[in-house]
N, C-alpha and C. Protein backbone atom coordinates (compact mmCIF):
# COMPACT_ATOMS: atom_id res chain seq x y z
N UNK A 1 8.19 -22.51 -46.21
CA UNK A 1 8.66 -22.59 -44.85
C UNK A 1 8.03 -21.47 -44.02
N UNK A 2 7.50 -21.83 -42.88
CA UNK A 2 6.82 -20.87 -42.01
C UNK A 2 7.82 -19.95 -41.33
N UNK A 3 7.48 -18.69 -41.22
CA UNK A 3 8.32 -17.74 -40.50
C UNK A 3 8.06 -17.87 -39.00
N UNK A 4 8.93 -17.27 -38.22
CA UNK A 4 8.74 -17.31 -36.77
C UNK A 4 7.41 -16.68 -36.38
N UNK A 5 7.06 -15.58 -37.03
CA UNK A 5 5.79 -14.91 -36.73
C UNK A 5 4.61 -15.83 -37.03
N UNK A 6 4.66 -16.54 -38.14
CA UNK A 6 3.58 -17.46 -38.50
C UNK A 6 3.49 -18.60 -37.50
N UNK A 7 4.63 -19.12 -37.08
CA UNK A 7 4.62 -20.22 -36.10
C UNK A 7 4.04 -19.74 -34.77
N UNK A 8 4.36 -18.51 -34.36
CA UNK A 8 3.82 -17.98 -33.10
C UNK A 8 2.31 -17.84 -33.17
N UNK A 9 1.79 -17.36 -34.29
CA UNK A 9 0.34 -17.24 -34.46
C UNK A 9 -0.29 -18.63 -34.40
N UNK A 10 0.34 -19.61 -35.03
CA UNK A 10 -0.20 -20.97 -35.01
C UNK A 10 -0.20 -21.54 -33.59
N UNK A 11 0.84 -21.27 -32.81
CA UNK A 11 0.88 -21.72 -31.41
C UNK A 11 -0.25 -21.06 -30.64
N UNK A 12 -0.43 -19.74 -30.81
CA UNK A 12 -1.51 -19.04 -30.11
C UNK A 12 -2.86 -19.64 -30.48
N UNK A 13 -3.08 -19.88 -31.75
CA UNK A 13 -4.36 -20.47 -32.18
C UNK A 13 -4.55 -21.86 -31.61
N UNK A 14 -3.48 -22.62 -31.54
CA UNK A 14 -3.56 -23.96 -30.96
C UNK A 14 -3.98 -23.87 -29.49
N UNK A 15 -3.35 -22.97 -28.74
CA UNK A 15 -3.70 -22.79 -27.33
C UNK A 15 -5.15 -22.33 -27.20
N UNK A 16 -5.58 -21.38 -28.04
CA UNK A 16 -6.97 -20.90 -27.98
C UNK A 16 -7.95 -22.02 -28.30
N UNK A 17 -7.63 -22.89 -29.25
CA UNK A 17 -8.52 -24.02 -29.57
C UNK A 17 -8.64 -24.98 -28.40
N UNK A 18 -7.50 -25.28 -27.77
CA UNK A 18 -7.55 -26.15 -26.59
C UNK A 18 -8.38 -25.52 -25.48
N UNK A 19 -8.17 -24.22 -25.26
CA UNK A 19 -8.93 -23.51 -24.23
C UNK A 19 -10.43 -23.52 -24.56
N UNK A 20 -10.76 -23.26 -25.81
CA UNK A 20 -12.18 -23.21 -26.22
C UNK A 20 -12.87 -24.54 -25.95
N UNK A 21 -12.23 -25.62 -26.34
CA UNK A 21 -12.82 -26.94 -26.12
C UNK A 21 -13.04 -27.23 -24.65
N UNK A 22 -12.05 -26.93 -23.85
CA UNK A 22 -12.16 -27.17 -22.41
C UNK A 22 -13.17 -26.24 -21.75
N UNK A 23 -13.20 -24.99 -22.17
CA UNK A 23 -14.12 -24.05 -21.55
C UNK A 23 -15.57 -24.38 -21.89
N UNK A 24 -15.82 -24.84 -23.10
CA UNK A 24 -17.18 -25.25 -23.47
C UNK A 24 -17.57 -26.52 -22.70
N UNK A 25 -16.62 -27.44 -22.57
CA UNK A 25 -16.91 -28.71 -21.92
C UNK A 25 -17.18 -28.57 -20.43
N UNK A 26 -16.43 -27.71 -19.74
CA UNK A 26 -16.57 -27.64 -18.28
C UNK A 26 -17.22 -26.37 -17.77
N UNK A 27 -17.44 -25.38 -18.62
CA UNK A 27 -18.09 -24.12 -18.24
C UNK A 27 -17.54 -23.56 -16.93
N UNK A 28 -16.28 -23.14 -16.92
CA UNK A 28 -15.66 -22.69 -15.67
C UNK A 28 -16.20 -21.35 -15.19
N UNK A 29 -16.05 -21.10 -13.90
CA UNK A 29 -16.37 -19.79 -13.33
C UNK A 29 -15.15 -18.88 -13.35
N UNK A 30 -13.97 -19.48 -13.54
CA UNK A 30 -12.72 -18.73 -13.57
C UNK A 30 -11.67 -19.59 -14.28
N UNK A 31 -10.55 -18.96 -14.61
CA UNK A 31 -9.47 -19.68 -15.29
C UNK A 31 -8.15 -19.34 -14.60
N UNK A 32 -7.39 -20.39 -14.28
CA UNK A 32 -6.02 -20.21 -13.80
C UNK A 32 -5.11 -20.91 -14.80
N UNK A 33 -4.18 -20.14 -15.34
CA UNK A 33 -3.20 -20.68 -16.29
C UNK A 33 -1.87 -20.83 -15.56
N UNK A 34 -1.35 -22.03 -15.51
CA UNK A 34 -0.06 -22.28 -14.87
C UNK A 34 1.01 -22.24 -15.94
N UNK A 35 1.67 -21.10 -16.04
CA UNK A 35 2.72 -20.89 -17.04
C UNK A 35 4.11 -21.01 -16.42
N UNK A 36 4.23 -21.71 -15.31
CA UNK A 36 5.52 -21.76 -14.62
C UNK A 36 6.62 -22.39 -15.48
N UNK A 37 6.27 -23.25 -16.41
CA UNK A 37 7.28 -23.90 -17.26
C UNK A 37 7.31 -23.32 -18.67
N UNK A 38 6.54 -22.29 -18.92
CA UNK A 38 6.50 -21.67 -20.24
C UNK A 38 7.58 -20.61 -20.36
N UNK A 39 8.46 -20.77 -21.34
CA UNK A 39 9.47 -19.74 -21.59
C UNK A 39 8.83 -18.67 -22.46
N UNK A 40 8.77 -17.46 -21.94
CA UNK A 40 8.13 -16.35 -22.66
C UNK A 40 8.94 -15.09 -22.40
N UNK A 41 9.40 -14.47 -23.49
CA UNK A 41 10.21 -13.27 -23.34
C UNK A 41 9.52 -12.03 -23.88
N UNK A 42 8.84 -12.14 -25.02
CA UNK A 42 8.22 -10.97 -25.63
C UNK A 42 7.20 -11.43 -26.68
N UNK A 43 6.45 -10.44 -27.19
CA UNK A 43 5.46 -10.70 -28.24
C UNK A 43 4.06 -10.55 -27.69
N UNK A 44 3.20 -9.88 -28.43
CA UNK A 44 1.86 -9.62 -27.93
C UNK A 44 0.83 -10.68 -28.31
N UNK A 45 1.25 -11.74 -28.97
CA UNK A 45 0.31 -12.80 -29.35
C UNK A 45 -0.32 -13.47 -28.13
N UNK A 46 0.42 -13.56 -27.04
CA UNK A 46 -0.10 -14.20 -25.83
C UNK A 46 -1.29 -13.42 -25.26
N UNK A 47 -1.38 -12.14 -25.54
CA UNK A 47 -2.52 -11.35 -25.06
C UNK A 47 -3.83 -11.93 -25.58
N UNK A 48 -3.82 -12.46 -26.80
CA UNK A 48 -5.02 -13.08 -27.36
C UNK A 48 -5.50 -14.25 -26.52
N UNK A 49 -4.57 -15.03 -26.02
CA UNK A 49 -4.93 -16.18 -25.17
C UNK A 49 -5.55 -15.68 -23.87
N UNK A 50 -4.93 -14.69 -23.25
CA UNK A 50 -5.44 -14.18 -21.97
C UNK A 50 -6.80 -13.52 -22.14
N UNK A 51 -6.95 -12.73 -23.19
CA UNK A 51 -8.25 -12.09 -23.44
C UNK A 51 -9.32 -13.12 -23.78
N UNK A 52 -8.94 -14.16 -24.53
CA UNK A 52 -9.91 -15.20 -24.87
C UNK A 52 -10.47 -15.82 -23.59
N UNK A 53 -9.60 -16.14 -22.67
CA UNK A 53 -10.04 -16.76 -21.41
C UNK A 53 -10.97 -15.84 -20.63
N UNK A 54 -10.65 -14.57 -20.56
CA UNK A 54 -11.44 -13.65 -19.74
C UNK A 54 -12.77 -13.27 -20.40
N UNK A 55 -12.90 -13.41 -21.70
CA UNK A 55 -14.12 -13.01 -22.40
C UNK A 55 -15.09 -14.16 -22.67
N UNK A 56 -14.84 -15.29 -22.17
CA UNK A 56 -15.72 -16.43 -22.38
C UNK A 56 -16.56 -16.63 -21.12
N UNK A 57 -17.81 -16.92 -21.16
CA UNK A 57 -18.66 -17.10 -22.34
C UNK A 57 -19.15 -15.77 -22.90
N UNK A 58 -19.01 -15.63 -24.17
CA UNK A 58 -19.34 -14.36 -24.84
C UNK A 58 -20.82 -14.03 -24.73
N UNK A 59 -21.69 -15.02 -24.77
CA UNK A 59 -23.13 -14.74 -24.79
C UNK A 59 -23.63 -14.03 -23.54
N UNK A 60 -22.94 -14.16 -22.41
CA UNK A 60 -23.40 -13.51 -21.19
C UNK A 60 -22.87 -12.09 -21.06
N UNK A 61 -21.76 -11.81 -21.72
CA UNK A 61 -21.14 -10.50 -21.59
C UNK A 61 -20.34 -10.35 -20.31
N UNK A 62 -20.36 -11.36 -19.45
CA UNK A 62 -19.59 -11.30 -18.20
C UNK A 62 -18.15 -11.70 -18.46
N UNK A 63 -17.26 -11.15 -17.67
CA UNK A 63 -15.84 -11.49 -17.76
C UNK A 63 -15.53 -12.58 -16.73
N UNK A 64 -14.75 -13.55 -17.15
CA UNK A 64 -14.28 -14.57 -16.21
C UNK A 64 -13.00 -14.08 -15.55
N UNK A 65 -12.87 -14.29 -14.25
CA UNK A 65 -11.60 -13.96 -13.61
C UNK A 65 -10.51 -14.90 -14.15
N UNK A 66 -9.36 -14.33 -14.45
CA UNK A 66 -8.22 -15.09 -14.96
C UNK A 66 -7.01 -14.77 -14.09
N UNK A 67 -6.26 -15.80 -13.74
CA UNK A 67 -5.00 -15.63 -13.01
C UNK A 67 -3.94 -16.45 -13.74
N UNK A 68 -2.75 -15.89 -13.83
CA UNK A 68 -1.64 -16.56 -14.49
C UNK A 68 -0.52 -16.76 -13.48
N UNK A 69 -0.10 -18.01 -13.31
CA UNK A 69 1.02 -18.32 -12.42
C UNK A 69 2.29 -18.23 -13.25
N UNK A 70 3.22 -17.38 -12.79
CA UNK A 70 4.44 -17.12 -13.54
C UNK A 70 5.66 -17.73 -12.84
N UNK A 71 6.80 -17.61 -13.50
CA UNK A 71 8.06 -18.06 -12.91
C UNK A 71 9.18 -17.15 -13.41
N UNK A 72 10.39 -17.43 -12.98
CA UNK A 72 11.54 -16.61 -13.38
C UNK A 72 11.76 -16.62 -14.90
N UNK A 73 11.34 -17.68 -15.59
CA UNK A 73 11.61 -17.77 -17.04
C UNK A 73 10.60 -16.99 -17.89
N UNK A 74 9.59 -16.40 -17.25
CA UNK A 74 8.60 -15.67 -18.05
C UNK A 74 8.05 -14.40 -17.38
N UNK A 75 8.39 -14.18 -16.13
CA UNK A 75 7.77 -13.08 -15.37
C UNK A 75 8.00 -11.71 -16.03
N UNK A 76 9.22 -11.44 -16.48
CA UNK A 76 9.51 -10.14 -17.08
C UNK A 76 8.69 -9.94 -18.36
N UNK A 77 8.67 -10.95 -19.22
CA UNK A 77 7.92 -10.85 -20.47
C UNK A 77 6.42 -10.73 -20.25
N UNK A 78 5.87 -11.52 -19.33
CA UNK A 78 4.43 -11.46 -19.06
C UNK A 78 4.05 -10.16 -18.36
N UNK A 79 4.92 -9.67 -17.49
CA UNK A 79 4.65 -8.38 -16.85
C UNK A 79 4.57 -7.28 -17.90
N UNK A 80 5.51 -7.26 -18.81
CA UNK A 80 5.50 -6.27 -19.89
C UNK A 80 4.25 -6.41 -20.74
N UNK A 81 3.87 -7.63 -21.05
CA UNK A 81 2.68 -7.88 -21.86
C UNK A 81 1.43 -7.33 -21.18
N UNK A 82 1.22 -7.70 -19.93
CA UNK A 82 0.00 -7.28 -19.21
C UNK A 82 -0.01 -5.77 -18.99
N UNK A 83 1.11 -5.22 -18.56
CA UNK A 83 1.17 -3.79 -18.22
C UNK A 83 1.19 -2.90 -19.47
N UNK A 84 2.04 -3.22 -20.44
CA UNK A 84 2.29 -2.32 -21.57
C UNK A 84 1.43 -2.59 -22.80
N UNK A 85 1.09 -3.84 -23.05
CA UNK A 85 0.29 -4.17 -24.23
C UNK A 85 -1.19 -4.27 -23.92
N UNK A 86 -1.52 -4.93 -22.80
CA UNK A 86 -2.93 -5.11 -22.44
C UNK A 86 -3.45 -3.94 -21.62
N UNK A 87 -2.54 -3.12 -21.09
CA UNK A 87 -2.89 -1.97 -20.26
C UNK A 87 -3.75 -2.39 -19.05
N UNK A 88 -3.33 -3.49 -18.44
CA UNK A 88 -4.03 -4.04 -17.28
C UNK A 88 -3.11 -4.02 -16.07
N UNK A 89 -3.69 -4.17 -14.91
CA UNK A 89 -2.92 -4.22 -13.67
C UNK A 89 -2.25 -5.59 -13.54
N UNK A 90 -0.95 -5.58 -13.38
CA UNK A 90 -0.19 -6.82 -13.21
C UNK A 90 -0.69 -7.58 -11.98
N UNK A 91 -1.04 -6.85 -10.92
CA UNK A 91 -1.50 -7.48 -9.68
C UNK A 91 -2.82 -8.23 -9.85
N UNK A 92 -3.59 -7.90 -10.87
CA UNK A 92 -4.86 -8.59 -11.13
C UNK A 92 -4.67 -9.84 -11.98
N UNK A 93 -3.55 -9.95 -12.67
CA UNK A 93 -3.35 -11.04 -13.63
C UNK A 93 -2.26 -12.03 -13.25
N UNK A 94 -1.14 -11.56 -12.72
CA UNK A 94 0.05 -12.40 -12.56
C UNK A 94 0.35 -12.70 -11.10
N UNK A 95 0.72 -13.97 -10.86
CA UNK A 95 0.96 -14.44 -9.49
C UNK A 95 2.19 -15.34 -9.47
N UNK A 96 2.90 -15.30 -8.36
CA UNK A 96 4.14 -16.07 -8.26
C UNK A 96 3.92 -17.52 -7.85
N UNK A 97 2.73 -17.84 -7.35
CA UNK A 97 2.46 -19.24 -6.99
C UNK A 97 0.97 -19.53 -7.12
N UNK A 98 0.67 -20.80 -7.16
CA UNK A 98 -0.71 -21.24 -7.36
C UNK A 98 -1.63 -20.82 -6.22
N UNK A 99 -1.16 -20.88 -4.99
CA UNK A 99 -1.99 -20.48 -3.85
C UNK A 99 -2.44 -19.03 -3.95
N UNK A 100 -1.53 -18.15 -4.36
CA UNK A 100 -1.88 -16.73 -4.52
C UNK A 100 -2.89 -16.55 -5.64
N UNK A 101 -2.74 -17.30 -6.72
CA UNK A 101 -3.68 -17.22 -7.84
C UNK A 101 -5.07 -17.70 -7.41
N UNK A 102 -5.12 -18.80 -6.68
CA UNK A 102 -6.40 -19.33 -6.19
C UNK A 102 -7.06 -18.34 -5.24
N UNK A 103 -6.29 -17.76 -4.34
CA UNK A 103 -6.82 -16.78 -3.40
C UNK A 103 -7.42 -15.58 -4.13
N UNK A 104 -6.72 -15.09 -5.15
CA UNK A 104 -7.22 -13.95 -5.92
C UNK A 104 -8.52 -14.31 -6.65
N UNK A 105 -8.56 -15.49 -7.24
CA UNK A 105 -9.77 -15.94 -7.96
C UNK A 105 -10.93 -16.06 -6.98
N UNK A 106 -10.72 -16.67 -5.84
CA UNK A 106 -11.79 -16.81 -4.84
C UNK A 106 -12.32 -15.44 -4.43
N UNK A 107 -11.41 -14.50 -4.21
CA UNK A 107 -11.83 -13.15 -3.83
C UNK A 107 -12.65 -12.50 -4.94
N UNK A 108 -12.19 -12.60 -6.17
CA UNK A 108 -12.90 -11.97 -7.29
C UNK A 108 -14.25 -12.62 -7.55
N UNK A 109 -14.38 -13.91 -7.26
CA UNK A 109 -15.67 -14.58 -7.46
C UNK A 109 -16.71 -14.13 -6.44
N UNK A 110 -16.28 -13.61 -5.30
CA UNK A 110 -17.23 -13.15 -4.29
C UNK A 110 -17.61 -11.69 -4.46
N UNK A 111 -16.93 -10.99 -5.38
CA UNK A 111 -17.22 -9.57 -5.62
C UNK A 111 -18.44 -9.41 -6.53
N UNK A 112 -19.19 -8.32 -6.37
CA UNK A 112 -20.27 -8.04 -7.33
C UNK A 112 -19.68 -7.89 -8.73
N UNK A 113 -20.45 -8.25 -9.76
CA UNK A 113 -19.96 -8.24 -11.15
C UNK A 113 -19.41 -6.90 -11.58
N UNK A 114 -19.93 -5.80 -11.09
CA UNK A 114 -19.47 -4.48 -11.51
C UNK A 114 -18.03 -4.22 -11.07
N UNK A 115 -17.59 -4.83 -9.97
CA UNK A 115 -16.27 -4.55 -9.41
C UNK A 115 -15.18 -5.43 -10.00
N UNK A 116 -15.51 -6.53 -10.66
CA UNK A 116 -14.52 -7.47 -11.15
C UNK A 116 -13.71 -6.84 -12.24
């Protein structure tokens, strides 16, 4: 019987596999993850998903802009993850609505690569 920790790793790997397939197929310039319906309270496994998105395509060495749309059911957990585990700015990663996420991505895509 799988433990909770094992199931969480399997969920993360499943999400990463889905992301990998889609990212190879469409070669995006940026990634927006809509987590508004995702219940997330704690655990650093989700950092792997976020880092995977931002580090693809690996061969170029460039980072893809990533924005995550949050909601009341996950904002506290994702804020803690980004700020405390990933040591990243919450304002660069997490957004309360899709329009704000799109606006941030558009802005970051117009910046020189060194500033992203």
